[in-house]
Amino acid sequence: MCSVKSTQPKLIPIPSCSLDLGNRSIPTSSLNVIPFRYSNIKAIQDLQYESENCPHRFAGTTWRKPIHLFFIPASLLKIERHKFFKSQLKYLIFARNAQIAFIDQYALRRTTNLHSVCIPPSMEKFGDHILSDSNIKFISFPSTIKLREVPSSAFRRCQYLSSIEIPASVERIGYSAFSGTNLTSVTFHPNSNLQSIGESSFSFCKWASIEIPFSVALISNHAFSGSSCQSITFASNSRLETI
């Protein structure tokens, strides 16, 4: 069993962050909070623990109490794989000047209480299965984000995810990225740079129609299989080469 060496006041103010929660304070009676009060944290393992024998330190089963709120400071650059896997996390909050560039695979998989995430502009890469089998309902990307790929199974079987806007920076949607979601609306940025839609990436989704960006050159096998899609539209200047 491990714990962070920190003290918690009766009320933990939510720091200024990209998720708009106003000026609310979170009562510790309802949420267990890990507050960051350090300026030199570059990775999660830089925190001081009473014990280092925790394979997945932020998973719900490795703490005396489940962690409900986690604030990502500007100094944190990466979240390692599995860090919040199957946790009871409710809020993942990024500092407004966040520098984080990478969230590794399985990091937020099966987080059943995390319903919304606002990704900061600094994000460049997601690992596979980052949010698969979670109860995420809303995820937003800023227009200036540098993310180039939605990786394999990133949102697979996220049954409460009903809409998403793919940012302009994304060039590839990976295998089964949105398979088994309840997506009824998928929007691509008007200046989309998307080049390929991977195998089974939107299989078993529920929208009625989709408009493919003109930049797409490849649509892989079973990309829309099992979906209720009735209309797929291509731009008149489409660069599509393989389907």
Protein backbone atom coordinates (compact mmCIF):
# COMPACT_ATOMS: atom_id res chain seq x y z
CA MET A 1 0.00 0.00 0.00
CA CYS A 2 1.32 3.44 -0.84
CA SER A 3 0.41 7.05 -0.35
CA VAL A 4 1.64 10.50 -1.28
CA LYS A 5 3.28 12.51 1.47
CA SER A 6 0.98 15.49 1.49
CA THR A 7 -1.66 17.10 3.66
CA GLN A 8 -5.23 17.85 2.68
CA PRO A 9 -7.17 20.85 4.01
CA LYS A 10 -10.91 20.57 4.54
CA LEU A 11 -11.53 22.13 1.13
CA ILE A 12 -9.28 21.69 -1.89
CA PRO A 13 -9.70 24.58 -4.37
CA ILE A 14 -9.68 23.43 -7.98
CA PRO A 15 -6.69 25.14 -9.68
CA SER A 16 -7.08 27.27 -12.80
CA CYS A 17 -7.36 24.68 -15.54
CA SER A 18 -8.58 23.89 -19.03
CA LEU A 19 -11.71 22.18 -17.70
CA ASP A 20 -14.26 24.88 -16.92
CA LEU A 21 -15.36 24.18 -13.38
CA GLY A 22 -15.58 27.81 -12.33
CA ASN A 23 -14.29 28.62 -8.85
CA ARG A 24 -15.78 25.62 -7.12
CA SER A 25 -14.11 23.91 -4.20
CA ILE A 26 -14.20 20.16 -3.78
CA PRO A 27 -15.08 18.85 -0.27
CA THR A 28 -12.71 16.10 0.78
CA SER A 29 -15.69 14.32 2.30
CA SER A 30 -16.84 13.47 -1.22
CA LEU A 31 -13.58 13.41 -3.18
CA ASN A 32 -10.12 12.12 -2.44
CA VAL A 33 -7.64 14.54 -3.98
CA ILE A 34 -3.93 14.41 -4.78
CA PRO A 35 -2.92 18.07 -4.85
CA PHE A 36 0.35 18.93 -6.59
CA ARG A 37 2.37 21.57 -4.78
CA TYR A 38 5.64 21.01 -6.61
CA SER A 39 7.21 22.91 -9.50
CA ASN A 40 9.77 20.38 -10.70
CA ILE A 41 7.65 17.31 -11.42
CA LYS A 42 8.45 15.94 -14.89
CA ALA A 43 6.87 12.52 -14.57
CA ILE A 44 4.51 10.80 -12.17
CA GLN A 45 7.30 8.66 -10.72
CA ASP A 46 9.06 11.84 -9.50
CA LEU A 47 6.57 12.07 -6.64
CA GLN A 48 7.74 10.82 -3.24
CA TYR A 49 5.96 7.74 -1.93
CA GLU A 50 6.12 5.94 1.37
CA SER A 51 6.43 2.73 -0.62
CA GLU A 52 7.75 2.05 -4.11
CA ASN A 53 6.08 -1.38 -4.36
CA CYS A 54 3.11 -0.25 -6.40
CA PRO A 55 3.03 -1.56 -10.00
CA HIS A 56 0.18 0.71 -11.09
CA ARG A 57 0.35 3.47 -8.54
CA PHE A 58 -2.81 5.29 -9.50
CA ALA A 59 -5.02 2.27 -10.11
CA GLY A 60 -7.97 2.09 -7.76
CA THR A 61 -6.73 -1.04 -6.02
CA THR A 62 -3.35 0.31 -4.90
CA TRP A 63 -4.52 3.16 -2.66
CA ARG A 64 -6.08 3.17 0.79
CA LYS A 65 -8.81 5.37 -0.69
CA PRO A 66 -9.77 5.75 -4.36
CA ILE A 67 -8.42 8.86 -6.09
CA HIS A 68 -11.20 11.05 -7.52
CA LEU A 69 -9.39 14.17 -8.73
CA PHE A 70 -5.97 14.49 -10.31
CA PHE A 71 -4.48 17.84 -11.29
CA ILE A 72 -1.84 17.79 -14.04
CA PRO A 73 0.66 20.61 -13.41
CA ALA A 74 2.46 22.44 -16.21
CA SER A 75 5.70 20.60 -15.43
CA LEU A 76 4.30 17.09 -16.07
CA LEU A 77 5.28 15.84 -19.56
CA LYS A 78 3.90 12.28 -19.67
CA ILE A 79 1.42 9.94 -18.04
CA GLU A 80 2.78 6.39 -18.08
CA ARG A 81 0.81 3.34 -19.18
CA HIS A 82 -1.85 1.92 -16.83
CA LYS A 83 -1.57 4.82 -14.34
CA PHE A 84 -5.33 5.28 -13.93
CA PHE A 85 -6.43 1.88 -15.26
CA LYS A 86 -9.74 0.82 -13.63
CA SER A 87 -9.48 3.73 -11.19
CA GLN A 88 -12.40 5.68 -9.73
CA LEU A 89 -11.06 8.94 -11.12
CA LYS A 90 -13.78 11.58 -11.70
CA TYR A 91 -11.76 14.62 -12.77
CA LEU A 92 -8.54 14.81 -14.76
CA ILE A 93 -7.65 18.48 -14.85
CA PHE A 94 -4.84 20.08 -16.85
CA ALA A 95 -3.20 23.40 -15.98
CA ARG A 96 -3.92 26.13 -18.51
CA ASN A 97 -0.23 26.23 -19.43
CA ALA A 98 0.07 22.42 -19.52
CA GLN A 99 3.13 21.03 -21.32
CA ILE A 100 2.12 17.38 -21.29
CA ALA A 101 2.71 15.74 -24.70
CA PHE A 102 2.03 12.02 -24.22
CA ILE A 103 -0.54 9.83 -22.46
CA ASP A 104 0.58 6.22 -22.83
CA GLN A 105 -1.50 3.13 -23.59
CA TYR A 106 -4.20 1.91 -21.19
CA ALA A 107 -3.62 4.99 -19.00
CA LEU A 108 -7.33 5.78 -18.62
CA ARG A 109 -8.89 2.49 -19.68
CA ARG A 110 -12.00 1.39 -17.79
CA THR A 111 -12.34 4.62 -15.83
CA THR A 112 -16.06 4.31 -15.17
CA ASN A 113 -16.48 7.63 -13.30
CA LEU A 114 -14.52 9.88 -15.69
CA HIS A 115 -17.16 11.45 -17.95
CA SER A 116 -15.38 14.37 -19.61
CA VAL A 117 -11.83 15.39 -20.53
CA CYS A 118 -10.53 18.59 -22.11
CA ILE A 119 -7.24 17.77 -23.84
CA PRO A 120 -4.64 20.60 -23.72
CA PRO A 121 -2.99 22.06 -26.88
CA SER A 122 0.39 20.57 -25.92
CA MET A 123 -0.77 16.97 -26.48
CA GLU A 124 1.08 15.21 -29.32
CA LYS A 125 0.48 11.50 -28.80
CA PHE A 126 -1.95 8.99 -27.30
CA GLY A 127 -1.16 5.34 -26.62
CA ASP A 128 -3.42 2.47 -27.75
CA HIS A 129 -6.55 1.84 -25.65
CA ILE A 130 -6.14 5.16 -23.85
CA LEU A 131 -9.85 5.35 -22.93
CA SER A 132 -11.27 2.06 -24.19
CA ASP A 133 -14.13 0.51 -22.19
CA SER A 134 -14.55 3.71 -20.20
CA ASN A 135 -17.72 5.72 -19.54
CA ILE A 136 -16.40 8.89 -21.17
CA LYS A 137 -19.21 11.07 -22.56
CA PHE A 138 -17.36 14.14 -23.78
CA ILE A 139 -13.83 14.81 -25.00
CA SER A 140 -12.68 18.07 -26.54
CA PHE A 141 -9.61 19.05 -28.52
CA PRO A 142 -8.39 22.64 -28.98
CA SER A 143 -7.95 23.85 -32.55
CA THR A 144 -4.19 24.30 -31.99
CA ILE A 145 -3.50 20.75 -30.81
CA LYS A 146 -0.61 18.82 -32.42
CA LEU A 147 -2.08 15.33 -32.07
CA ARG A 148 -1.38 13.40 -35.30
CA GLU A 149 -3.10 10.07 -34.64
CA VAL A 150 -6.11 8.59 -32.91
CA PRO A 151 -4.47 5.23 -32.12
CA SER A 152 -5.80 1.69 -32.17
CA SER A 153 -8.82 1.09 -29.91
CA ALA A 154 -8.42 4.54 -28.34
CA PHE A 155 -12.16 4.87 -27.65
CA ARG A 156 -13.29 1.32 -28.34
CA ARG A 157 -16.55 0.37 -26.62
CA CYS A 158 -17.01 3.80 -25.02
CA GLN A 159 -20.76 3.31 -25.02
CA TYR A 160 -21.63 6.79 -23.73
CA LEU A 161 -19.59 8.69 -26.31
CA SER A 162 -22.14 10.08 -28.76
CA SER A 163 -20.25 12.83 -30.61
CA ILE A 164 -16.71 13.92 -31.36
CA GLU A 165 -14.86 16.48 -33.46
CA ILE A 166 -11.60 15.25 -34.97
CA PRO A 167 -9.01 18.06 -34.91
CA ALA A 168 -7.26 19.26 -38.06
CA SER A 169 -3.86 17.90 -36.96
CA VAL A 170 -4.95 14.24 -36.99
CA GLU A 171 -3.54 12.35 -40.01
CA ARG A 172 -4.49 8.79 -39.11
CA ILE A 173 -7.34 7.04 -37.32
CA GLY A 174 -6.16 3.63 -36.13
CA TYR A 175 -7.64 0.13 -35.97
CA SER A 176 -10.98 -0.01 -34.08
CA ALA A 177 -10.39 3.50 -32.72
CA PHE A 178 -14.12 4.18 -32.26
CA SER A 179 -15.52 0.69 -32.71
CA GLY A 180 -18.54 -0.13 -30.58
CA THR A 181 -19.25 3.43 -29.47
CA ASN A 182 -22.65 5.11 -29.65
CA LEU A 183 -21.39 7.86 -31.94
CA THR A 184 -24.22 9.61 -33.71
CA SER A 185 -22.11 12.56 -34.86
CA VAL A 186 -18.52 12.68 -36.16
CA THR A 187 -17.23 16.02 -37.35
CA PHE A 188 -13.93 16.68 -39.08
CA HIS A 189 -12.25 20.06 -38.91
CA PRO A 190 -12.70 22.06 -42.16
CA ASN A 191 -8.91 22.08 -42.57
CA SER A 192 -8.55 18.39 -41.79
CA ASN A 193 -5.25 16.69 -42.65
CA LEU A 194 -6.66 13.20 -42.23
CA GLN A 195 -5.03 10.76 -44.66
CA SER A 196 -6.17 7.30 -43.58
CA ILE A 197 -9.08 5.67 -41.77
CA GLY A 198 -8.01 2.36 -40.27
CA GLU A 199 -9.57 -1.09 -40.29
CA SER A 200 -12.81 -1.33 -38.27
CA SER A 201 -12.18 2.19 -36.97
CA PHE A 202 -15.88 3.16 -36.95
CA SER A 203 -17.47 -0.29 -36.94
CA PHE A 204 -20.76 -0.75 -35.06
CA CYS A 205 -21.39 2.99 -34.66
CA LYS A 206 -24.85 4.54 -34.91
CA TRP A 207 -24.73 7.70 -37.02
CA ALA A 208 -26.88 8.18 -40.12
CA SER A 209 -24.28 9.89 -42.32
CA ILE A 210 -20.64 10.95 -42.47
CA GLU A 211 -18.69 13.31 -44.71
CA ILE A 212 -15.14 12.16 -45.47
CA PRO A 213 -12.51 14.93 -45.64
CA PHE A 214 -11.04 15.50 -49.11
CA SER A 215 -7.53 14.73 -47.75
CA VAL A 216 -8.30 11.04 -47.04
CA ALA A 217 -6.44 8.71 -49.43
CA LEU A 218 -7.07 5.35 -47.73
CA ILE A 219 -10.11 3.73 -46.10
CA SER A 220 -9.22 0.27 -44.78
CA ASN A 221 -11.32 -2.90 -44.60
CA HIS A 222 -14.45 -2.92 -42.42
CA ALA A 223 -13.99 0.75 -41.50
CA PHE A 224 -17.77 1.20 -41.18
CA SER A 225 -18.93 -2.43 -40.90
CA GLY A 226 -21.91 -3.09 -38.65
CA SER A 227 -22.72 0.61 -38.36
CA SER A 228 -26.13 2.13 -39.07
CA CYS A 229 -24.58 4.65 -41.45
CA GLN A 230 -26.90 5.28 -44.43
CA SER A 231 -24.87 7.91 -46.27
CA ILE A 232 -21.12 8.41 -46.83
CA THR A 233 -20.21 11.59 -48.70
CA PHE A 234 -16.93 12.45 -50.38
CA ALA A 235 -15.77 15.92 -51.35
CA SER A 236 -15.64 16.71 -55.07
CA ASN A 237 -11.86 17.16 -54.83
CA SER A 238 -11.37 13.97 -52.83
CA ARG A 239 -7.89 12.40 -52.88
CA LEU A 240 -9.22 8.92 -52.10
CA GLU A 241 -7.10 6.21 -53.77
CA THR A 242 -7.95 2.98 -51.92
CA ILE A 243 -11.11 1.67 -50.33
